[in-house]
């Protein structure tokens, strides 16, 4: 059945995906155009909308005690604003040629077509789940949606054992390792890389490795998972590599995520090297006048390397949604790109990066110098000053800042924002040394650690010229 009738002269916007990008787009479009001008239909396969997926590890770990605190806007609030939001409804096919989508009601199993004048694709990303024996066994969890988080908490409540294995040591992996430690589990992290946090250079990842072990987490690096072993009851009981088996009462996948773009691929929409949808700066899907996409299902321009990247972050998704909503609603906005800023923590260790790693710079043919400095979060004589390590990359000859990585305790992580602004502005490390940053002993040394690194990098660039 085609649900396109009885809308008169109103345009219809269809949104596929009810989290950050999708519902931000719907809300922004609604602010610009009322229900008499624009009908908005949004499909969401889960039970929740407009929530903070980034907060799920802290909910699982107990830092956030109420799931509803992660929800920015409820389905009822969206509907009160004139958005026809359909939960537990999964879009199964996109038909850009005829301007329609097919959706299945997951409760009844019935399917129907809905036509659109404008389409927003905000299908997000899904956890990487290798096709290995035992990967689908009970007790094995990916963590991407609120439904995923609830399923994991239900498993923890029903599990007597206290052994958790986290597969992967990226952002989700280290955050979930902390969540399991907070839950009182014995935690092992199995990581295929040489060090945790592959978003850092290995020398900085080594600092994370040492700190995690100091927190009681068992780190197993250079280990490829070959299968998950199950017991007589069918539940997971261990994670196996070629070298060893690691007993597990629960397994959490922190291998990373990939764009959820199977529908877009089947519809012939353009995808990039990383599998994400390709858009122009207005977030319009390339070659498709009435189709937009945003959030974790798209690739974005890296302003430092000039290449497209897949960077799944809620900050970008919300910005994409605002931009899409403005354009759909008749205004105009663009998304210029990103510099790759991210910050995380495991227990009291803060981990941050922005810009390029050494291997990123080499891959795009940039010649650079790197420096690493040790400093403190406050003046050394002020109580509770904590150590931090800052690594900085600068381009040879020009001195242009290329990237910064920071590992330290309280007060370290958000210092990366200084570098993010400098990268966006295209500053050199020499120019950074003159930045007028705030100073008082409770907040930083006289020379902020980022500026100490900039001074050392600028001196190295001058010496190499």
Protein backbone atom coordinates (compact mmCIF):
# COMPACT_ATOMS: atom_id res chain seq x y z
CA UNK A 1 0.00 0.00 0.00
CA UNK A 2 1.25 3.51 -0.82
CA UNK A 3 0.69 5.91 2.07
CA UNK A 4 1.12 9.02 -0.11
CA UNK A 5 -2.51 10.12 -0.39
CA UNK A 6 -4.49 12.73 1.55
CA UNK A 7 -1.70 15.28 2.00
CA UNK A 8 -2.92 17.90 -0.45
CA UNK A 9 -0.31 20.45 -1.50
CA UNK A 10 1.93 19.89 1.53
CA UNK A 11 5.41 18.58 0.94
CA UNK A 12 6.40 15.42 2.81
CA UNK A 13 9.75 14.92 4.45
CA UNK A 14 10.60 11.33 5.33
CA UNK A 15 13.36 10.70 7.86
CA UNK A 16 14.97 7.26 8.17
CA UNK A 17 16.52 6.98 11.64
CA UNK A 18 15.33 8.58 14.86
CA UNK A 19 18.46 9.51 16.75
CA UNK A 20 20.76 12.54 16.67
CA UNK A 21 21.02 13.43 12.97
CA UNK A 22 17.55 12.33 11.92
CA UNK A 23 15.54 13.98 14.67
CA UNK A 24 17.73 17.10 14.70
CA UNK A 25 16.95 17.45 10.99
CA UNK A 26 13.24 16.89 11.56
CA UNK A 27 13.11 19.38 14.45
CA UNK A 28 15.10 22.04 12.59
CA UNK A 29 12.89 21.70 9.51
CA UNK A 30 9.77 21.94 11.69
CA UNK A 31 10.98 25.19 13.25
CA UNK A 32 11.20 26.71 9.77
CA UNK A 33 8.05 25.21 8.26
CA UNK A 34 4.82 24.47 10.06
CA UNK A 35 2.60 21.38 9.68
CA UNK A 36 0.44 23.14 7.08
CA UNK A 37 3.47 23.45 4.78
CA UNK A 38 5.55 20.38 5.57
CA UNK A 39 4.48 16.95 6.74
CA UNK A 40 7.26 15.08 8.53
CA UNK A 41 7.27 11.29 8.89
CA UNK A 42 10.14 9.68 10.81
CA UNK A 43 10.87 5.94 11.04
CA UNK A 44 12.87 4.43 13.90
CA UNK A 45 13.42 0.70 14.29
CA UNK A 46 14.18 0.90 18.02
CA UNK A 47 12.23 1.95 21.10
CA UNK A 48 13.94 5.33 21.67
CA UNK A 49 14.71 8.61 19.91
CA UNK A 50 17.09 11.53 20.35
CA UNK A 51 19.38 9.93 22.92
CA UNK A 52 23.06 10.12 23.73
CA UNK A 53 24.70 6.94 22.45
CA UNK A 54 27.99 8.34 23.79
CA UNK A 55 26.56 8.10 27.29
CA UNK A 56 25.74 4.37 27.12
CA UNK A 57 29.06 3.15 28.66
CA UNK A 58 28.51 5.47 31.63
CA UNK A 59 24.96 4.21 32.06
CA UNK A 60 26.16 0.60 31.91
CA UNK A 61 28.95 1.42 34.37
CA UNK A 62 26.59 3.08 36.83
CA UNK A 63 27.82 6.68 36.55
CA UNK A 64 24.46 7.53 34.97
CA UNK A 65 21.82 5.78 37.05
CA UNK A 66 18.70 6.52 35.00
CA UNK A 67 18.42 5.56 31.34
CA UNK A 68 15.98 8.40 30.68
CA UNK A 69 18.67 10.95 31.51
CA UNK A 70 20.32 10.00 28.21
CA UNK A 71 17.18 10.91 26.26
CA UNK A 72 17.18 14.50 25.02
CA UNK A 73 13.66 14.42 23.57
CA UNK A 74 11.02 11.73 23.91
CA UNK A 75 8.81 10.39 21.10
CA UNK A 76 5.84 12.17 22.72
CA UNK A 77 7.70 15.49 22.60
CA UNK A 78 8.49 15.02 18.91
CA UNK A 79 4.88 14.15 18.14
CA UNK A 80 3.67 17.19 20.06
CA UNK A 81 5.73 19.27 17.61
CA UNK A 82 3.92 17.84 14.62
CA UNK A 83 6.32 15.04 13.66
CA UNK A 84 4.71 11.71 12.76
CA UNK A 85 7.23 9.49 14.54
CA UNK A 86 6.82 5.74 14.04
CA UNK A 87 8.78 3.62 16.49
CA UNK A 88 9.59 -0.06 15.99
CA UNK A 89 9.25 0.51 12.25
CA UNK A 90 12.17 -0.53 10.08
CA UNK A 91 12.74 0.87 6.62
CA UNK A 92 13.56 -2.08 4.37
CA UNK A 93 13.97 -0.40 0.99
CA UNK A 94 14.73 3.01 -0.50
CA UNK A 95 13.36 3.86 -3.94
CA UNK A 96 14.84 7.25 -4.94
CA UNK A 97 13.66 6.86 -8.52
CA UNK A 98 10.01 6.88 -7.46
CA UNK A 99 10.47 8.95 -4.32
CA UNK A 100 9.33 6.42 -1.74
CA UNK A 101 10.50 4.13 1.06
CA UNK A 102 9.17 0.77 2.18
CA UNK A 103 8.86 0.13 5.92
CA UNK A 104 7.93 -2.84 8.09
CA UNK A 105 6.04 -2.60 11.36
CA UNK A 106 8.15 -4.87 13.57
CA UNK A 107 5.21 -5.75 15.83
CA UNK A 108 2.77 -6.83 13.13
CA UNK A 109 5.15 -7.62 10.28
CA UNK A 110 3.07 -5.59 7.82
CA UNK A 111 4.86 -3.55 5.16
CA UNK A 112 3.84 -0.43 3.27
CA UNK A 113 5.29 2.20 0.97
CA UNK A 114 5.47 5.87 1.95
CA UNK A 115 6.16 8.49 -0.69
CA UNK A 116 8.30 11.56 -0.06
CA UNK A 117 9.25 14.88 -1.60
CA UNK A 118 12.42 15.08 0.49
CA UNK A 119 14.31 12.24 2.18
CA UNK A 120 16.79 12.27 5.05
CA UNK A 121 18.92 9.16 5.61
CA UNK A 122 20.22 8.95 9.17
CA UNK A 123 20.68 5.21 9.63
CA UNK A 124 23.79 5.61 11.78
CA UNK A 125 26.47 2.98 12.25
CA UNK A 126 26.51 -0.53 13.62
CA UNK A 127 29.13 -2.36 15.69
CA UNK A 128 31.63 -4.42 13.74
CA UNK A 129 30.70 -8.05 14.39
CA UNK A 130 33.13 -10.47 12.71
CA UNK A 131 31.67 -13.65 11.28
CA UNK A 132 33.31 -16.00 13.77
CA UNK A 133 31.98 -19.11 15.51
CA UNK A 134 30.01 -18.20 18.62
CA UNK A 135 29.71 -14.49 17.79
CA UNK A 136 25.90 -14.63 17.98
CA UNK A 137 25.80 -16.63 21.23
CA UNK A 138 23.86 -15.30 24.24
CA UNK A 139 26.11 -13.14 26.39
CA UNK A 140 27.84 -11.44 23.44
CA UNK A 141 26.92 -7.78 23.10
CA UNK A 142 27.60 -4.88 20.78
CA UNK A 143 26.88 -1.46 22.27
CA UNK A 144 25.54 1.16 19.85
CA UNK A 145 21.93 1.93 20.78
CA UNK A 146 19.90 2.29 23.97
CA UNK A 147 18.32 -1.05 23.13
CA UNK A 148 21.84 -2.55 23.02
CA UNK A 149 22.67 -1.00 26.39
CA UNK A 150 19.49 -2.31 27.95
CA UNK A 151 20.16 -5.79 26.58
CA UNK A 152 23.66 -5.75 28.11
CA UNK A 153 22.34 -4.61 31.48
CA UNK A 154 19.71 -7.36 31.39
CA UNK A 155 22.48 -9.90 30.77
CA UNK A 156 24.59 -8.54 33.63
CA UNK A 157 21.62 -8.75 35.97
CA UNK A 158 21.06 -12.40 35.04
CA UNK A 159 24.73 -13.47 35.07
CA UNK A 160 26.32 -14.89 38.20
CA UNK A 161 29.90 -14.96 36.96
CA UNK A 162 32.10 -11.87 37.19
CA UNK A 163 34.45 -12.29 34.23
CA UNK A 164 34.13 -9.88 31.31
CA UNK A 165 36.12 -9.92 28.08
CA UNK A 166 36.11 -6.80 25.91
CA UNK A 167 37.09 -7.45 22.30
CA UNK A 168 38.78 -4.37 20.87
CA UNK A 169 40.52 -1.40 22.48
CA UNK A 170 39.21 1.66 20.68
CA UNK A 171 37.04 4.30 22.31
CA UNK A 172 34.12 1.96 22.95
CA UNK A 173 36.45 -0.81 24.09
CA UNK A 174 38.25 1.22 26.75
CA UNK A 175 35.03 2.88 27.92
CA UNK A 176 33.31 -0.48 28.26
CA UNK A 177 36.35 -1.88 30.10
CA UNK A 178 35.87 0.92 32.63
CA UNK A 179 32.14 0.20 32.82
CA UNK A 180 32.81 -3.45 33.62
CA UNK A 181 35.44 -2.53 36.23
CA UNK A 182 32.87 -0.22 37.84
CA UNK A 183 30.42 -3.14 37.88
CA UNK A 184 32.92 -5.22 39.82
CA UNK A 185 33.96 -7.50 36.97
CA UNK A 186 37.35 -9.01 36.32
CA UNK A 187 38.14 -7.46 32.93
CA UNK A 188 40.32 -8.68 30.08
CA UNK A 189 40.70 -6.61 26.91
CA UNK A 190 41.71 -8.57 23.80
CA UNK A 191 43.14 -6.25 21.17
CA UNK A 192 44.42 -7.06 17.69
CA UNK A 193 46.67 -3.98 17.64
CA UNK A 194 50.07 -3.54 19.21
CA UNK A 195 48.66 -1.02 21.71
CA UNK A 196 45.19 0.15 22.74
CA UNK A 197 43.61 3.20 21.13
CA UNK A 198 44.64 2.84 17.51
CA UNK A 199 43.45 6.43 17.03
CA UNK A 200 46.71 7.38 18.77
CA UNK A 201 50.27 6.73 17.67
CA UNK A 202 51.65 3.55 19.30
CA UNK A 203 53.95 5.45 21.66
CA UNK A 204 50.94 7.30 23.09
CA UNK A 205 48.84 4.15 23.09
CA UNK A 206 51.55 2.55 25.25
CA UNK A 207 50.81 5.09 27.96
CA UNK A 208 47.15 4.05 27.88
CA UNK A 209 48.21 0.38 28.06
CA UNK A 210 50.28 0.92 31.20
CA UNK A 211 47.57 2.95 32.89
CA UNK A 212 44.87 0.35 32.13
CA UNK A 213 46.98 -2.41 33.62
CA UNK A 214 47.55 -0.21 36.66
CA UNK A 215 43.76 -0.08 37.06
CA UNK A 216 43.54 -3.87 37.20
CA UNK A 217 42.55 -4.44 33.57
CA UNK A 218 44.35 -7.32 31.83
CA UNK A 219 45.54 -6.13 28.40
CA UNK A 220 46.19 -8.71 25.67
CA UNK A 221 47.64 -7.00 22.60
CA UNK A 222 48.60 -8.41 19.19
CA UNK A 223 45.85 -10.99 19.64
CA UNK A 224 43.39 -11.94 16.90
CA UNK A 225 40.14 -13.47 18.12
CA UNK A 226 39.48 -16.73 16.23
CA UNK A 227 36.24 -17.87 17.86
CA UNK A 228 33.98 -17.55 20.86
CA UNK A 229 33.47 -20.75 22.83
CA UNK A 230 30.09 -21.69 24.26
CA UNK A 231 28.98 -23.94 27.08
CA UNK A 232 26.40 -26.72 27.16
CA UNK A 233 23.70 -24.08 27.66
CA UNK A 234 24.74 -22.31 24.44
CA UNK A 235 25.99 -19.22 26.26
CA UNK A 236 29.42 -17.75 25.67
CA UNK A 237 32.07 -19.11 28.06
CA UNK A 238 35.39 -17.93 26.59
CA UNK A 239 37.10 -15.89 23.90
CA UNK A 240 39.75 -17.77 21.95
CA UNK A 241 42.81 -16.52 20.08
CA UNK A 242 45.48 -18.60 18.37
CA UNK A 243 47.54 -18.46 21.56
CA UNK A 244 45.05 -18.76 24.44
CA UNK A 245 41.51 -18.86 25.77
CA UNK A 246 40.10 -16.16 28.05
CA UNK A 247 37.14 -17.23 30.25
CA UNK A 248 34.11 -14.97 29.91
CA UNK A 249 30.70 -14.73 31.50
CA UNK A 250 29.94 -11.78 29.25
CA UNK A 251 31.64 -10.47 26.10
CA UNK A 252 31.42 -6.87 24.93
CA UNK A 253 32.41 -5.96 21.37
CA UNK A 254 34.46 -2.79 21.12
CA UNK A 255 35.99 -3.44 17.71
CA UNK A 256 34.53 -0.28 16.22
CA UNK A 257 31.59 0.60 14.02
CA UNK A 258 30.88 0.82 10.33
CA UNK A 259 28.35 2.96 8.44
CA UNK A 260 24.94 1.31 8.28
CA UNK A 261 24.40 1.90 4.58
CA UNK A 262 23.09 -1.39 3.17
CA UNK A 263 19.83 0.29 2.13
CA UNK A 264 21.69 3.12 0.44
CA UNK A 265 23.98 0.68 -1.37
CA UNK A 266 21.00 -1.35 -2.62
CA UNK A 267 19.38 1.87 -3.85
CA UNK A 268 22.49 2.82 -5.84
CA UNK A 269 23.39 5.86 -3.77
CA UNK A 270 27.07 6.95 -3.81
CA UNK A 271 29.29 5.49 -1.10
CA UNK A 272 32.88 6.32 -0.23
CA UNK A 273 35.97 4.28 0.49
CA UNK A 274 34.84 3.59 4.06
CA UNK A 275 31.29 2.60 3.11
CA UNK A 276 29.66 5.87 4.15
CA UNK A 277 27.33 7.98 2.05
CA UNK A 278 28.92 10.83 0.12
CA UNK A 279 27.33 14.26 0.37
CA UNK A 280 28.07 17.82 -0.66
CA UNK A 281 28.62 20.57 1.91
CA UNK A 282 24.88 21.04 2.36
CA UNK A 283 24.70 17.34 3.36
CA UNK A 284 22.77 16.56 0.16
CA UNK A 285 23.62 13.12 -1.23
CA UNK A 286 25.71 13.65 -4.33
CA UNK A 287 23.70 13.42 -7.52
CA UNK A 288 20.32 13.30 -5.72
CA UNK A 289 18.48 16.61 -5.49
CA UNK A 290 15.94 15.61 -2.83
CA UNK A 291 17.98 13.25 -0.65
CA UNK A 292 20.11 14.28 2.33
CA UNK A 293 22.18 12.20 4.74
CA UNK A 294 23.94 12.84 8.03
CA UNK A 295 25.38 11.32 11.16
CA UNK A 296 27.34 8.09 11.47
CA UNK A 297 26.23 6.81 8.03
CA UNK A 298 28.17 9.47 6.08
CA UNK A 299 31.77 10.29 5.28
CA UNK A 300 33.06 13.79 5.97
CA UNK A 301 35.90 15.95 4.71
CA UNK A 302 39.04 15.96 6.85
CA UNK A 303 40.24 19.56 6.74
CA UNK A 304 43.83 18.59 7.55
CA UNK A 305 44.40 15.77 5.04
CA UNK A 306 41.84 16.87 2.44
CA UNK A 307 40.42 13.34 2.26
CA UNK A 308 37.05 11.83 3.13
CA UNK A 309 36.85 10.00 6.47
CA UNK A 310 34.26 8.13 8.52
CA UNK A 311 34.17 9.70 11.99
CA UNK A 312 31.13 8.54 13.95
CA UNK A 313 30.54 11.12 16.67
CA UNK A 314 27.41 12.61 18.17
CA UNK A 315 28.82 16.13 17.82
CA UNK A 316 28.96 15.78 14.05
CA UNK A 317 25.58 14.05 13.85
CA UNK A 318 23.79 16.87 15.62
CA UNK A 319 25.47 19.47 13.42
CA UNK A 320 24.57 17.50 10.30
CA UNK A 321 20.95 17.35 11.42
CA UNK A 322 20.78 21.10 12.00
CA UNK A 323 22.28 21.77 8.58
CA UNK A 324 19.96 19.33 6.82
CA UNK A 325 16.92 20.75 8.59
CA UNK A 326 17.87 24.27 7.58
CA UNK A 327 18.23 23.30 3.93
CA UNK A 328 15.07 21.19 3.84
CA UNK A 329 13.20 23.99 5.58
CA UNK A 330 14.13 26.57 2.96
CA UNK A 331 17.12 28.24 4.60
CA UNK A 332 20.78 27.55 3.81
CA UNK A 333 23.65 26.03 5.78
CA UNK A 334 26.80 24.04 5.10
CA UNK A 335 29.11 21.67 6.94
CA UNK A 336 32.73 22.57 6.18
CA UNK A 337 34.39 19.41 7.51
CA UNK A 338 36.22 18.17 10.59
CA UNK A 339 39.71 17.96 12.05
CA UNK A 340 39.12 14.63 13.80
CA UNK A 341 38.83 15.70 17.42
CA UNK A 342 37.89 13.08 20.00
CA UNK A 343 38.25 12.70 23.74
CA UNK A 344 37.63 9.74 26.02
CA UNK A 345 38.63 8.30 29.37
CA UNK A 346 39.22 5.03 31.14
CA UNK A 347 38.79 5.41 34.90
CA UNK A 348 40.78 8.58 35.73
CA UNK A 349 42.94 8.54 32.59
CA UNK A 350 41.97 11.09 29.94
CA UNK A 351 42.76 10.42 26.27
CA UNK A 352 42.44 12.99 23.49
CA UNK A 353 43.47 13.50 19.90
CA UNK A 354 42.85 15.84 16.98
CA UNK A 355 44.25 16.03 13.47
CA UNK A 356 46.58 13.45 11.97
CA UNK A 357 48.59 10.61 13.44
CA UNK A 358 52.04 9.90 12.04
CA UNK A 359 50.74 7.18 9.71
CA UNK A 360 47.92 9.46 8.51
CA UNK A 361 50.42 12.15 7.56
CA UNK A 362 52.64 9.65 5.76
CA UNK A 363 49.69 8.18 3.87
CA UNK A 364 48.80 11.55 2.32
CA UNK A 365 52.44 12.35 1.55
CA UNK A 366 53.10 14.99 4.22
CA UNK A 367 56.59 15.46 5.64
CA UNK A 368 56.58 16.36 9.30
CA UNK A 369 58.38 16.61 12.60
CA UNK A 370 56.95 15.30 15.87
CA UNK A 371 57.70 16.25 19.46
CA UNK A 372 56.56 14.84 22.79
CA UNK A 373 56.63 16.74 26.08
CA UNK A 374 55.79 16.01 29.70
CA UNK A 375 53.99 18.64 31.75
CA UNK A 376 51.34 19.06 34.45
CA UNK A 377 47.69 20.12 34.53
CA UNK A 378 48.35 22.92 37.03
CA UNK A 379 51.34 24.84 38.31
CA UNK A 380 53.70 22.24 39.72
CA UNK A 381 53.50 23.68 43.24
CA UNK A 382 49.68 23.79 43.29
CA UNK A 383 47.92 20.87 45.05
CA UNK A 384 46.82 17.93 42.90
CA UNK A 385 48.78 18.91 39.81
CA UNK A 386 48.69 15.81 37.60
CA UNK A 387 51.10 14.75 34.85
CA UNK A 388 50.23 14.72 31.17
CA UNK A 389 51.98 13.83 27.94
CA UNK A 390 51.44 15.91 24.80
CA UNK A 391 52.55 14.84 21.34
CA UNK A 392 52.45 17.30 18.44
CA UNK A 393 53.00 16.93 14.69
CA UNK A 394 53.96 19.87 12.45
CA UNK A 395 54.59 20.02 8.72
CA UNK A 396 58.18 20.51 7.61
CA UNK A 397 59.07 23.88 6.10
CA UNK A 398 55.63 25.48 6.64
CA UNK A 399 55.34 24.61 10.35
CA UNK A 400 51.60 24.03 9.91
CA UNK A 401 50.08 22.15 12.84
CA UNK A 402 49.05 18.65 11.74
CA UNK A 403 47.92 16.89 14.90
CA UNK A 404 47.99 16.66 18.68
CA UNK A 405 47.55 13.74 21.07
CA UNK A 406 47.23 14.06 24.85
CA UNK A 407 47.23 11.41 27.57
CA UNK A 408 47.00 12.39 31.23
CA UNK A 409 44.89 12.69 34.33
CA UNK A 410 42.32 15.28 35.34
CA UNK A 411 42.53 18.43 33.24
CA UNK A 412 44.34 16.81 30.29
CA UNK A 413 41.64 15.78 27.84
CA UNK A 414 39.84 19.02 27.05
CA UNK A 415 43.12 20.80 26.36
CA UNK A 416 42.89 19.19 22.93
CA UNK A 417 40.31 21.85 22.06
CA UNK A 418 43.12 24.42 21.84
CA UNK A 419 44.71 22.34 19.11
CA UNK A 420 41.36 21.70 17.40
CA UNK A 421 40.79 25.44 17.02
CA UNK A 422 44.36 25.95 15.79
CA UNK A 423 43.95 23.17 13.22
CA UNK A 424 40.67 24.59 11.97
CA UNK A 425 42.28 28.00 11.60
CA UNK A 426 45.28 26.52 9.75
CA UNK A 427 47.75 27.90 12.29
CA UNK A 428 51.44 27.15 12.40
CA UNK A 429 53.08 25.95 15.59
CA UNK A 430 55.00 29.25 15.66
CA UNK A 431 51.72 31.17 15.66
CA UNK A 432 50.38 28.92 18.42
CA UNK A 433 53.18 29.92 20.78
CA UNK A 434 51.67 33.45 20.91
CA UNK A 435 48.14 32.30 21.81
CA UNK A 436 46.78 34.31 24.76
CA UNK A 437 45.48 31.44 26.89
CA UNK A 438 44.07 31.78 30.38
CA UNK A 439 46.49 31.24 33.23
CA UNK A 440 46.25 30.85 36.99
CA UNK A 441 48.06 28.22 39.09
CA UNK A 442 44.88 26.14 39.73
CA UNK A 443 44.34 25.78 35.97
CA UNK A 444 47.72 25.47 34.26
CA UNK A 445 51.43 26.18 34.44
CA UNK A 446 52.57 29.57 33.16
CA UNK A 447 53.15 27.86 29.81
CA UNK A 448 50.19 25.65 29.01
CA UNK A 449 51.31 22.11 28.05
CA UNK A 450 49.96 22.52 24.52
CA UNK A 451 52.01 25.69 24.08
CA UNK A 452 55.11 23.99 25.50
CA UNK A 453 54.72 21.38 22.77
CA UNK A 454 54.17 24.12 20.16
CA UNK A 455 57.38 25.90 21.25
CA UNK A 456 59.36 22.67 20.99
CA UNK A 457 57.82 21.86 17.60
CA UNK A 458 58.52 25.35 16.27
CA UNK A 459 62.16 25.09 17.34
CA UNK A 460 62.49 21.72 15.64
CA UNK A 461 60.97 23.05 12.41
CA UNK A 462 63.37 26.03 12.44
CA UNK A 463 66.34 23.72 13.00
CA UNK A 464 65.28 21.49 10.11
CA UNK A 465 64.81 24.40 7.64
